[in-house]
Amino acid sequence: MEKRELICIGCPLGCMITVNMQDGKVVKVTGNTCPRGEKYALKEVTCPTRIVTSSVGVSGGDIRVLSVKAREAVPKDKIFDCANALKSIKVAAPVRIGDIVLKDAAGTGIPFVATKNVKSGGTL
């Protein structure tokens, strides 16, 4: 039986959770003090994801770099692929918060969106 230990990030308590697995399946989750802990642990050991943030270049705007983020959590094994896909992106001003900067990051189907407004006509 495989045993995995996690610190839960589902709420401020930060419980130490133990997940017992057998043949790649979760058998038992212990240590959580709320239902969110079990839900977090199950997801973390079977399909871990993260919200990814980054930046892209801007042309013709009042700033040179625009912060962006994934609209939803990205599978952990695709994070570096998403970062590499964003390296070549350069957006033209104007840009509004929520505008899609990259429609499908690394084949995940997850879009990356602007997290800041950019005005056009800047000197940069």
Protein backbone atom coordinates (compact mmCIF):
# COMPACT_ATOMS: atom_id res chain seq x y z
CA MET A 1 0.00 0.00 0.00
CA GLU A 2 1.31 3.45 -0.97
CA LYS A 3 1.01 6.27 1.56
CA ARG A 4 1.09 9.97 0.53
CA GLU A 5 1.16 12.85 2.97
CA LEU A 6 -0.10 16.32 2.03
CA ILE A 7 -0.71 19.62 3.72
CA CYS A 8 -4.20 20.72 2.81
CA ILE A 9 -4.65 24.16 1.25
CA GLY A 10 -8.46 23.97 1.14
CA CYS A 11 -8.88 26.25 4.17
CA PRO A 12 -6.65 28.17 6.61
CA LEU A 13 -6.23 25.21 9.00
CA GLY A 14 -3.55 23.50 6.88
CA CYS A 15 -4.31 19.96 8.04
CA MET A 16 -1.77 17.19 7.54
CA ILE A 17 -3.63 14.67 5.37
CA THR A 18 -2.62 11.08 4.73
CA VAL A 19 -3.84 9.34 1.60
CA ASN A 20 -3.54 5.56 1.39
CA MET A 21 -3.54 4.18 -2.14
CA GLN A 22 -3.50 0.69 -3.55
CA ASP A 23 -3.03 -0.15 -7.23
CA GLY A 24 -3.29 3.57 -8.10
CA LYS A 25 -6.67 3.98 -6.37
CA VAL A 26 -7.43 5.91 -3.19
CA VAL A 27 -8.38 3.58 -0.37
CA LYS A 28 -8.53 5.96 2.60
CA VAL A 29 -8.09 9.67 3.40
CA THR A 30 -7.37 10.71 7.00
CA GLY A 31 -6.32 13.82 8.88
CA ASN A 32 -8.74 16.31 7.34
CA THR A 33 -10.96 18.26 9.71
CA CYS A 34 -13.41 19.45 7.05
CA PRO A 35 -14.90 17.99 3.85
CA ARG A 36 -12.75 20.30 1.70
CA GLY A 37 -9.67 18.45 2.90
CA GLU A 38 -10.81 15.12 1.54
CA LYS A 39 -11.86 16.70 -1.75
CA TYR A 40 -8.48 18.48 -2.07
CA ALA A 41 -6.51 15.31 -1.26
CA LEU A 42 -8.43 13.17 -3.77
CA LYS A 43 -7.84 15.70 -6.54
CA GLU A 44 -4.19 16.27 -5.64
CA VAL A 45 -3.25 12.58 -5.80
CA THR A 46 -5.30 11.71 -8.88
CA CYS A 47 -5.20 14.83 -11.11
CA PRO A 48 -3.22 17.76 -9.66
CA THR A 49 -3.83 21.18 -11.21
CA ARG A 50 -2.61 24.74 -10.66
CA ILE A 51 -3.67 28.24 -11.66
CA VAL A 52 -0.84 29.53 -13.84
CA THR A 53 0.12 33.19 -14.10
CA SER A 54 2.67 34.70 -16.45
CA SER A 55 3.27 37.70 -18.67
CA VAL A 56 3.42 38.50 -22.38
CA GLY A 57 4.88 41.37 -24.40
CA VAL A 58 2.82 44.37 -25.53
CA SER A 59 3.26 46.48 -28.66
CA GLY A 60 1.90 50.01 -29.01
CA GLY A 61 0.78 50.28 -25.42
CA ASP A 62 1.46 52.35 -22.34
CA ILE A 63 3.25 49.37 -20.75
CA ARG A 64 5.68 46.83 -22.23
CA VAL A 65 4.54 43.71 -20.39
CA LEU A 66 1.05 42.43 -19.63
CA SER A 67 0.19 40.04 -16.80
CA VAL A 68 -1.94 37.06 -17.82
CA LYS A 69 -3.46 34.03 -16.10
CA ALA A 70 -5.12 30.77 -17.00
CA ARG A 71 -8.90 31.07 -16.89
CA GLU A 72 -9.01 27.76 -15.01
CA ALA A 73 -6.57 25.38 -13.36
CA VAL A 74 -4.03 23.72 -15.67
CA PRO A 75 -2.96 20.08 -15.27
CA LYS A 76 0.35 20.13 -13.41
CA ASP A 77 2.17 18.22 -16.15
CA LYS A 78 1.24 20.94 -18.71
CA ILE A 79 2.49 23.99 -16.79
CA PHE A 80 5.86 24.25 -18.56
CA ASP A 81 4.22 23.66 -21.95
CA CYS A 82 1.86 26.57 -21.25
CA ALA A 83 4.76 28.78 -20.16
CA ASN A 84 6.63 27.96 -23.37
CA ALA A 85 3.56 28.75 -25.48
CA LEU A 86 3.27 32.17 -23.82
CA LYS A 87 6.93 33.08 -24.54
CA SER A 88 6.20 33.90 -28.17
CA ILE A 89 2.99 35.87 -27.56
CA LYS A 90 2.98 39.62 -28.12
CA VAL A 91 -0.33 41.48 -27.96
CA ALA A 92 -1.21 44.77 -29.59
CA ALA A 93 -2.73 47.51 -27.45
CA PRO A 94 -5.41 48.28 -26.46
CA VAL A 95 -6.12 45.30 -24.22
CA ARG A 96 -8.86 44.95 -21.60
CA ILE A 97 -8.98 42.78 -18.52
CA GLY A 98 -10.42 39.40 -19.52
CA ASP A 99 -9.37 39.60 -23.18
CA ILE A 100 -8.14 36.22 -24.41
CA VAL A 101 -4.41 36.35 -25.07
CA LEU A 102 -3.94 32.65 -25.89
CA LYS A 103 -7.03 30.64 -26.86
CA ASP A 104 -5.76 27.09 -26.23
CA ALA A 105 -2.63 26.81 -24.11
CA ALA A 106 -0.57 23.74 -25.03
CA GLY A 107 -3.54 21.72 -26.22
CA THR A 108 -5.30 21.92 -22.84
CA GLY A 109 -8.28 23.87 -24.17
CA ILE A 110 -7.65 26.41 -21.43
CA PRO A 111 -7.40 30.07 -22.46
CA PHE A 112 -5.06 32.63 -20.91
CA VAL A 113 -6.58 36.06 -20.29
CA ALA A 114 -5.29 39.55 -19.60
CA THR A 115 -5.35 40.64 -15.97
CA LYS A 116 -4.70 44.33 -16.65
CA ASN A 117 -5.95 47.04 -18.99
CA VAL A 118 -3.45 48.41 -21.51
CA LYS A 119 -4.03 51.73 -23.23
CA SER A 120 -2.83 52.25 -26.79
CA GLY A 121 -0.68 55.10 -28.04
CA GLY A 122 2.02 54.82 -25.42
CA THR A 123 5.59 55.81 -26.13
CA LEU A 124 6.90 52.34 -25.31
